[in-house]
């Protein structure tokens, strides 16, 4: 069996669409207030944009991209424009997916502190 380039591209396109749908579902579940005003098409366009921005920083795994999308949505699309975040993302270590996980952890701590009034 020979798989032609067109078939491979079709599979990749379908896999990417499925991935974006999963990310959208995750975002709608965990950030409902942030996604309520976005149509599925609008949210998909945002995810595509965030995925491209993540790739500029070497973030390419699906898990890390999903976290990047969460961070983008939770911070009104601003987290990677902050100078201290840009500086952190530009550092050679740790590897990009670890950086995104660290940023997610920091956001979680900050949100918990805000909830407790600290």
N, C-alpha and C. Protein backbone atom coordinates (compact mmCIF):
# COMPACT_ATOMS: atom_id res chain seq x y z
N UNK A 1 0.84 -1.17 0.00
CA UNK A 1 0.00 0.00 0.00
C UNK A 1 0.89 1.25 0.00
N UNK A 2 0.58 2.15 -0.87
CA UNK A 2 1.34 3.40 -1.00
C UNK A 2 0.42 4.56 -0.62
N UNK A 3 0.91 5.37 0.27
CA UNK A 3 0.15 6.56 0.67
C UNK A 3 0.73 7.75 -0.07
N UNK A 4 -0.13 8.40 -0.83
CA UNK A 4 0.31 9.56 -1.59
C UNK A 4 0.36 10.79 -0.70
N UNK A 5 1.12 11.76 -1.14
CA UNK A 5 1.28 13.02 -0.41
C UNK A 5 -0.07 13.67 -0.12
N UNK A 6 -0.98 13.66 -1.08
CA UNK A 6 -2.29 14.27 -0.89
C UNK A 6 -3.07 13.57 0.23
N UNK A 7 -2.95 12.24 0.29
CA UNK A 7 -3.63 11.49 1.34
C UNK A 7 -3.05 11.84 2.71
N UNK A 8 -1.74 11.92 2.76
CA UNK A 8 -1.06 12.26 4.01
C UNK A 8 -1.46 13.66 4.47
N UNK A 9 -1.53 14.60 3.55
CA UNK A 9 -1.94 15.96 3.89
C UNK A 9 -3.38 16.00 4.37
N UNK A 10 -4.24 15.17 3.77
CA UNK A 10 -5.64 15.11 4.20
C UNK A 10 -5.73 14.57 5.62
N UNK A 11 -4.94 13.54 5.94
CA UNK A 11 -4.92 12.99 7.29
C UNK A 11 -4.42 14.04 8.29
N UNK A 12 -3.37 14.75 7.93
CA UNK A 12 -2.82 15.78 8.81
C UNK A 12 -3.84 16.89 9.05
N UNK A 13 -4.52 17.30 7.99
CA UNK A 13 -5.55 18.34 8.14
C UNK A 13 -6.68 17.89 9.05
N UNK A 14 -7.09 16.64 8.90
CA UNK A 14 -8.16 16.10 9.75
C UNK A 14 -7.69 16.01 11.21
N UNK A 15 -6.44 15.61 11.40
CA UNK A 15 -5.90 15.51 12.76
C UNK A 15 -5.82 16.88 13.41
N UNK A 16 -5.41 17.89 12.65
CA UNK A 16 -5.33 19.25 13.19
C UNK A 16 -6.72 19.78 13.54
N UNK A 17 -7.69 19.51 12.70
CA UNK A 17 -9.05 19.96 12.98
C UNK A 17 -9.59 19.29 14.24
N UNK A 18 -9.34 18.00 14.38
CA UNK A 18 -9.76 17.27 15.58
C UNK A 18 -9.08 17.85 16.82
N UNK A 19 -7.80 18.14 16.72
CA UNK A 19 -7.07 18.73 17.83
C UNK A 19 -7.68 20.07 18.23
N UNK A 20 -7.96 20.93 17.25
CA UNK A 20 -8.53 22.23 17.56
C UNK A 20 -9.91 22.10 18.20
N UNK A 21 -10.69 21.14 17.77
CA UNK A 21 -12.00 20.89 18.39
C UNK A 21 -11.84 20.46 19.84
N UNK A 22 -10.85 19.62 20.11
CA UNK A 22 -10.60 19.18 21.48
C UNK A 22 -10.15 20.36 22.35
N UNK A 23 -9.29 21.20 21.82
CA UNK A 23 -8.84 22.38 22.58
C UNK A 23 -10.03 23.30 22.83
N UNK A 24 -10.85 23.51 21.83
CA UNK A 24 -12.03 24.37 22.01
C UNK A 24 -12.94 23.82 23.10
N UNK A 25 -13.16 22.52 23.09
CA UNK A 25 -13.99 21.90 24.13
C UNK A 25 -13.40 22.09 25.51
N UNK A 26 -12.08 21.93 25.61
CA UNK A 26 -11.38 22.12 26.88
C UNK A 26 -11.54 23.57 27.35
N UNK A 27 -11.34 24.51 26.45
CA UNK A 27 -11.45 25.92 26.82
C UNK A 27 -12.88 26.28 27.21
N UNK A 28 -13.85 25.75 26.48
CA UNK A 28 -15.26 26.04 26.82
C UNK A 28 -15.62 25.45 28.19
N UNK A 29 -15.05 24.30 28.51
CA UNK A 29 -15.34 23.66 29.80
C UNK A 29 -14.69 24.41 30.96
N UNK A 30 -13.43 24.80 30.80
CA UNK A 30 -12.66 25.36 31.90
C UNK A 30 -12.67 26.89 31.98
N UNK A 31 -13.01 27.54 30.88
CA UNK A 31 -13.08 29.01 30.86
C UNK A 31 -14.39 29.45 30.20
N UNK A 32 -15.53 29.01 30.75
CA UNK A 32 -16.80 29.30 30.08
C UNK A 32 -17.10 30.79 29.94
N UNK A 33 -16.72 31.58 30.92
CA UNK A 33 -16.98 33.02 30.84
C UNK A 33 -16.17 33.67 29.72
N UNK A 34 -15.00 33.12 29.44
CA UNK A 34 -14.14 33.68 28.40
C UNK A 34 -14.54 33.22 27.00
N UNK A 35 -15.25 32.12 26.91
CA UNK A 35 -15.60 31.58 25.59
C UNK A 35 -17.05 31.80 25.21
N UNK A 36 -17.86 32.26 26.15
CA UNK A 36 -19.30 32.36 25.92
C UNK A 36 -19.67 33.24 24.73
N UNK A 37 -18.91 34.27 24.49
CA UNK A 37 -19.26 35.20 23.41
C UNK A 37 -18.64 34.84 22.07
N UNK A 38 -17.83 33.77 22.04
CA UNK A 38 -17.18 33.36 20.79
C UNK A 38 -17.94 32.22 20.14
N UNK A 39 -18.20 32.35 18.85
CA UNK A 39 -18.78 31.24 18.10
C UNK A 39 -17.71 30.17 17.94
N UNK A 40 -18.11 28.98 17.50
CA UNK A 40 -17.14 27.92 17.26
C UNK A 40 -16.11 28.36 16.22
N UNK A 41 -16.58 29.05 15.19
CA UNK A 41 -15.68 29.51 14.13
C UNK A 41 -14.69 30.54 14.67
N UNK A 42 -15.16 31.45 15.50
CA UNK A 42 -14.28 32.47 16.07
C UNK A 42 -13.24 31.84 17.01
N UNK A 43 -13.69 30.89 17.83
CA UNK A 43 -12.76 30.23 18.74
C UNK A 43 -11.72 29.42 17.96
N UNK A 44 -12.15 28.78 16.89
CA UNK A 44 -11.21 28.02 16.06
C UNK A 44 -10.15 28.96 15.46
N UNK A 45 -10.58 30.13 15.02
CA UNK A 45 -9.62 31.10 14.46
C UNK A 45 -8.63 31.56 15.52
N UNK A 46 -9.11 31.76 16.75
CA UNK A 46 -8.21 32.14 17.83
C UNK A 46 -7.20 31.03 18.11
N UNK A 47 -7.69 29.80 18.15
CA UNK A 47 -6.79 28.67 18.42
C UNK A 47 -5.73 28.56 17.34
N UNK A 48 -6.10 28.74 16.10
CA UNK A 48 -5.12 28.74 15.01
C UNK A 48 -4.07 29.83 15.20
N UNK A 49 -4.52 31.02 15.59
CA UNK A 49 -3.60 32.14 15.81
C UNK A 49 -2.68 31.85 16.99
N UNK A 50 -3.24 31.33 18.08
CA UNK A 50 -2.43 31.01 19.26
C UNK A 50 -1.43 29.90 18.96
N UNK A 51 -1.86 28.93 18.16
CA UNK A 51 -0.96 27.83 17.80
C UNK A 51 0.24 28.38 17.02
N UNK A 52 -0.01 29.30 16.12
CA UNK A 52 1.08 29.91 15.35
C UNK A 52 2.01 30.71 16.26
N UNK A 53 1.43 31.45 17.21
CA UNK A 53 2.26 32.21 18.15
C UNK A 53 3.08 31.28 19.03
N UNK A 54 2.48 30.21 19.47
CA UNK A 54 3.20 29.23 20.29
C UNK A 54 4.38 28.65 19.51
N UNK A 55 4.15 28.35 18.24
CA UNK A 55 5.21 27.77 17.41
C UNK A 55 6.40 28.72 17.28
N UNK A 56 6.14 30.02 17.30
CA UNK A 56 7.23 31.00 17.22
C UNK A 56 8.18 30.89 18.42
N UNK A 57 7.68 30.30 19.50
CA UNK A 57 8.50 30.12 20.71
C UNK A 57 8.92 28.67 20.90
N UNK A 58 8.74 27.85 19.85
CA UNK A 58 9.16 26.46 19.91
C UNK A 58 8.16 25.53 20.59
N UNK A 59 6.97 26.02 20.87
CA UNK A 59 5.93 25.22 21.51
C UNK A 59 5.18 24.48 20.42
N UNK A 60 5.37 23.16 20.37
CA UNK A 60 4.79 22.39 19.27
C UNK A 60 4.01 21.15 19.70
N UNK A 61 4.15 20.72 20.95
CA UNK A 61 3.40 19.53 21.37
C UNK A 61 1.95 19.92 21.60
N UNK A 62 1.05 18.99 21.37
CA UNK A 62 -0.37 19.29 21.52
C UNK A 62 -0.70 19.74 22.94
N UNK A 63 -0.15 19.06 23.92
CA UNK A 63 -0.43 19.42 25.31
C UNK A 63 0.03 20.85 25.61
N UNK A 64 1.24 21.19 25.18
CA UNK A 64 1.76 22.54 25.43
C UNK A 64 0.97 23.59 24.65
N UNK A 65 0.56 23.26 23.45
CA UNK A 65 -0.25 24.21 22.66
C UNK A 65 -1.59 24.44 23.34
N UNK A 66 -2.19 23.39 23.87
CA UNK A 66 -3.47 23.54 24.58
C UNK A 66 -3.29 24.46 25.79
N UNK A 67 -2.19 24.28 26.52
CA UNK A 67 -1.91 25.15 27.66
C UNK A 67 -1.68 26.58 27.20
N UNK A 68 -0.97 26.75 26.09
CA UNK A 68 -0.74 28.09 25.54
C UNK A 68 -2.08 28.76 25.23
N UNK A 69 -2.98 28.02 24.63
CA UNK A 69 -4.31 28.56 24.31
C UNK A 69 -5.05 28.96 25.58
N UNK A 70 -4.96 28.13 26.62
CA UNK A 70 -5.58 28.45 27.90
C UNK A 70 -5.01 29.76 28.45
N UNK A 71 -3.69 29.86 28.47
CA UNK A 71 -3.04 31.06 28.97
C UNK A 71 -3.44 32.29 28.16
N UNK A 72 -3.51 32.13 26.86
CA UNK A 72 -3.89 33.25 25.99
C UNK A 72 -5.31 33.71 26.30
N UNK A 73 -6.21 32.77 26.41
CA UNK A 73 -7.60 33.11 26.67
C UNK A 73 -7.78 33.69 28.08
N UNK A 74 -7.13 33.09 29.05
CA UNK A 74 -7.28 33.53 30.45
C UNK A 74 -6.71 34.92 30.69
N UNK A 75 -5.78 35.35 29.84
CA UNK A 75 -5.15 36.66 30.02
C UNK A 75 -5.55 37.65 28.93
N UNK A 76 -6.68 37.40 28.31
CA UNK A 76 -7.17 38.28 27.24
C UNK A 76 -6.14 38.46 26.13
N UNK A 77 -5.48 37.36 25.81
CA UNK A 77 -4.55 37.32 24.67
C UNK A 77 -3.31 38.18 24.90
N UNK A 78 -2.93 38.37 26.16
CA UNK A 78 -1.83 39.27 26.45
C UNK A 78 -0.60 38.62 27.08
N UNK A 79 -0.70 37.39 27.59
CA UNK A 79 0.39 36.88 28.42
C UNK A 79 1.74 36.88 27.71
N UNK A 80 1.77 36.53 26.44
CA UNK A 80 3.07 36.45 25.75
C UNK A 80 3.53 37.79 25.20
N UNK A 81 2.79 38.85 25.49
CA UNK A 81 3.23 40.18 25.09
C UNK A 81 3.89 40.92 26.25
N UNK A 82 3.78 40.38 27.45
CA UNK A 82 4.40 41.01 28.62
C UNK A 82 5.92 40.84 28.54
N UNK A 83 6.67 41.91 28.79
CA UNK A 83 8.13 41.84 28.65
C UNK A 83 8.78 40.71 29.45
N UNK A 84 8.37 40.52 30.70
CA UNK A 84 8.99 39.47 31.52
C UNK A 84 8.68 38.07 30.99
N UNK A 85 7.50 37.88 30.40
CA UNK A 85 7.14 36.58 29.82
C UNK A 85 7.92 36.38 28.52
N UNK A 86 8.01 37.40 27.71
CA UNK A 86 8.78 37.30 26.45
C UNK A 86 10.24 36.96 26.75
N UNK A 87 10.79 37.59 27.79
CA UNK A 87 12.17 37.31 28.17
C UNK A 87 12.33 35.85 28.62
N UNK A 88 11.38 35.38 29.42
CA UNK A 88 11.42 33.99 29.88
C UNK A 88 11.31 33.02 28.71
N UNK A 89 10.40 33.30 27.79
CA UNK A 89 10.22 32.41 26.64
C UNK A 89 11.45 32.40 25.73
N UNK A 90 12.22 33.47 25.73
CA UNK A 90 13.40 33.55 24.88
C UNK A 90 14.61 32.82 25.46
N UNK A 91 14.55 32.45 26.74
CA UNK A 91 15.67 31.76 27.37
C UNK A 91 15.87 30.38 26.73
N UNK A 92 17.12 29.92 26.62
CA UNK A 92 17.37 28.62 25.99
C UNK A 92 16.89 27.43 26.83
N UNK A 93 16.80 27.59 28.12
CA UNK A 93 16.35 26.51 29.01
C UNK A 93 15.28 27.06 29.93
N UNK A 94 14.36 26.27 30.37
CA UNK A 94 14.11 24.88 29.98
C UNK A 94 13.46 24.81 28.59
N UNK A 95 13.18 23.62 28.16
CA UNK A 95 12.59 23.48 26.83
C UNK A 95 11.17 24.07 26.82
N UNK A 96 10.66 24.45 25.64
CA UNK A 96 9.43 25.22 25.55
C UNK A 96 8.21 24.64 26.27
N UNK A 97 7.99 23.35 26.18
CA UNK A 97 6.79 22.80 26.83
C UNK A 97 6.88 22.91 28.35
N UNK A 98 8.09 22.84 28.89
CA UNK A 98 8.28 23.01 30.34
C UNK A 98 8.00 24.47 30.72
N UNK A 99 8.42 25.39 29.88
CA UNK A 99 8.15 26.81 30.14
C UNK A 99 6.65 27.05 30.22
N UNK A 100 5.91 26.48 29.28
CA UNK A 100 4.46 26.68 29.27
C UNK A 100 3.83 26.07 30.52
N UNK A 101 4.29 24.90 30.92
CA UNK A 101 3.77 24.28 32.15
C UNK A 101 4.08 25.15 33.36
N UNK A 102 5.26 25.72 33.41
CA UNK A 102 5.64 26.61 34.51
C UNK A 102 4.73 27.83 34.54
N UNK A 103 4.43 28.38 33.38
CA UNK A 103 3.54 29.54 33.31
C UNK A 103 2.13 29.17 33.75
N UNK A 104 1.67 27.98 33.38
CA UNK A 104 0.35 27.51 33.83
C UNK A 104 0.32 27.38 35.34
N UNK A 105 1.37 26.81 35.90
CA UNK A 105 1.44 26.66 37.37
C UNK A 105 1.41 28.03 38.04
N UNK A 106 2.14 28.99 37.49
CA UNK A 106 2.19 30.34 38.06
C UNK A 106 0.80 30.99 37.99
N UNK A 107 0.10 30.80 36.88
CA UNK A 107 -1.25 31.35 36.75
C UNK A 107 -2.17 30.71 37.78
N UNK A 108 -2.06 29.41 37.97
CA UNK A 108 -2.90 28.71 38.95
C UNK A 108 -2.66 29.28 40.35
N UNK A 109 -1.41 29.45 40.72
CA UNK A 109 -1.08 30.00 42.04
C UNK A 109 -1.66 31.40 42.18
N UNK A 110 -1.50 32.21 41.14
CA UNK A 110 -2.02 33.58 41.19
C UNK A 110 -3.53 33.60 41.33
N UNK A 111 -4.22 32.72 40.61
CA UNK A 111 -5.68 32.66 40.71
C UNK A 111 -6.13 32.21 42.09
N UNK A 112 -5.42 31.23 42.65
CA UNK A 112 -5.76 30.76 44.00
C UNK A 112 -5.54 31.87 45.02
N UNK A 113 -4.49 32.63 44.86
CA UNK A 113 -4.24 33.75 45.77
C UNK A 113 -5.33 34.81 45.65
N UNK A 114 -5.76 35.06 44.43
CA UNK A 114 -6.83 36.05 44.21
C UNK A 114 -8.13 35.58 44.86
N UNK A 115 -8.41 34.28 44.75
CA UNK A 115 -9.62 33.73 45.35
C UNK A 115 -9.61 33.85 46.87
N UNK A 116 -8.45 33.67 47.46
CA UNK A 116 -8.33 33.69 48.93
C UNK A 116 -8.13 35.12 49.46
N UNK A 117 -7.99 36.08 48.56
CA UNK A 117 -7.80 37.45 48.97
C UNK A 117 -6.40 37.79 49.41
N UNK A 118 -5.45 36.92 49.09
CA UNK A 118 -4.05 37.15 49.51
C UNK A 118 -3.38 38.16 48.61
